[in-house]
């Protein structure tokens, strides 16, 4: 299993090196590792190191809130009149 993991890491490193060479030629490179997160033991100044928390460069927050679309009354409305204490 360790050998398989090392081969995967070498493959991912070769992808990073390829993207770096494209960038050095003036081509823009954009990619996302959404399933695989990895860490290299040998770090060089030119090796990319994505983490599980690294967002894609074009990521934007979702504009729709994650709650029901019908507003729930948080303040008294005509359906819930204010009670006046006397």
Protein backbone atom coordinates (compact mmCIF):
# COMPACT_ATOMS: atom_id res chain seq x y z
CA UNK A 1 0.00 0.00 0.00
CA UNK A 2 2.87 2.36 0.82
CA UNK A 3 4.32 1.81 -2.68
CA UNK A 4 0.96 2.69 -4.26
CA UNK A 5 0.75 5.88 -2.18
CA UNK A 6 4.27 6.87 -3.21
CA UNK A 7 3.41 6.30 -6.87
CA UNK A 8 0.31 8.48 -6.50
CA UNK A 9 2.39 11.22 -4.86
CA UNK A 10 4.97 11.04 -7.66
CA UNK A 11 2.19 11.29 -10.24
CA UNK A 12 0.66 14.31 -8.50
CA UNK A 13 4.08 15.92 -8.24
CA UNK A 14 4.57 15.44 -11.99
CA UNK A 15 1.22 17.17 -12.61
CA UNK A 16 2.36 20.08 -10.42
CA UNK A 17 5.67 20.29 -12.28
CA UNK A 18 3.85 20.26 -15.62
CA UNK A 19 1.53 23.07 -14.48
CA UNK A 20 4.54 25.02 -13.24
CA UNK A 21 6.25 24.65 -16.62
CA UNK A 22 3.10 25.91 -18.38
CA UNK A 23 3.00 28.88 -16.01
CA UNK A 24 6.67 29.61 -16.74
CA UNK A 25 5.80 29.71 -20.46
CA UNK A 26 3.14 32.33 -19.73
CA UNK A 27 0.09 30.08 -19.86
CA UNK A 28 -2.47 30.38 -17.07
CA UNK A 29 -3.13 27.12 -15.25
CA UNK A 30 -6.13 26.55 -13.02
CA UNK A 31 -7.06 23.23 -11.47
CA UNK A 32 -8.69 21.85 -8.35
CA UNK A 33 -7.91 18.77 -6.32
CA UNK A 34 -11.30 18.09 -4.85
CA UNK A 35 -10.95 14.43 -3.92
CA UNK A 36 -7.26 13.94 -3.23
CA UNK A 37 -5.35 15.92 -0.65
CA UNK A 38 -1.71 15.14 -0.20
CA UNK A 39 1.49 16.32 1.38
CA UNK A 40 4.99 15.92 0.01
CA UNK A 41 7.83 15.03 2.31
CA UNK A 42 10.36 16.67 0.00
CA UNK A 43 9.34 20.28 -0.43
CA UNK A 44 10.86 22.54 -3.04
CA UNK A 45 10.13 26.21 -3.62
CA UNK A 46 8.33 25.33 -6.88
CA UNK A 47 6.10 22.52 -5.62
CA UNK A 48 2.42 23.31 -5.13
CA UNK A 49 0.93 22.06 -1.88
CA UNK A 50 -2.87 22.09 -1.93
CA UNK A 51 -4.65 21.34 1.32
CA UNK A 52 -8.18 20.12 1.91
CA UNK A 53 -9.01 23.72 2.87
CA UNK A 54 -7.57 25.41 -0.23
CA UNK A 55 -10.36 26.95 -2.31
CA UNK A 56 -10.28 26.95 -6.08
CA UNK A 57 -9.07 30.35 -7.36
CA UNK A 58 -12.44 30.99 -9.06
CA UNK A 59 -14.52 29.92 -6.03
CA UNK A 60 -17.20 32.36 -4.92
CA UNK A 61 -19.57 32.04 -2.02
CA UNK A 62 -22.99 30.69 -2.87
CA UNK A 63 -25.37 33.68 -3.12
CA UNK A 64 -28.37 31.78 -1.76
CA UNK A 65 -28.57 31.36 2.01
CA UNK A 66 -28.96 27.83 3.30
CA UNK A 67 -32.32 28.25 4.99
CA UNK A 68 -35.95 28.16 3.81
CA UNK A 69 -36.95 30.77 1.26
CA UNK A 70 -40.16 31.69 3.08
CA UNK A 71 -39.28 34.18 5.80
CA UNK A 72 -40.14 33.17 9.31
CA UNK A 73 -41.42 36.02 11.47
CA UNK A 74 -38.75 37.05 13.92
CA UNK A 75 -40.61 40.18 14.94
CA UNK A 76 -44.32 40.71 15.54
CA UNK A 77 -46.27 41.12 12.31
CA UNK A 78 -49.94 41.52 11.50
CA UNK A 79 -50.25 37.77 12.11
CA UNK A 80 -48.69 38.11 15.52
CA UNK A 81 -49.85 41.44 17.01
CA UNK A 82 -47.97 43.01 19.86
CA UNK A 83 -49.43 42.39 23.26
CA UNK A 84 -49.62 45.52 25.24
CA UNK A 85 -49.01 45.10 28.89
CA UNK A 86 -51.21 47.35 31.00
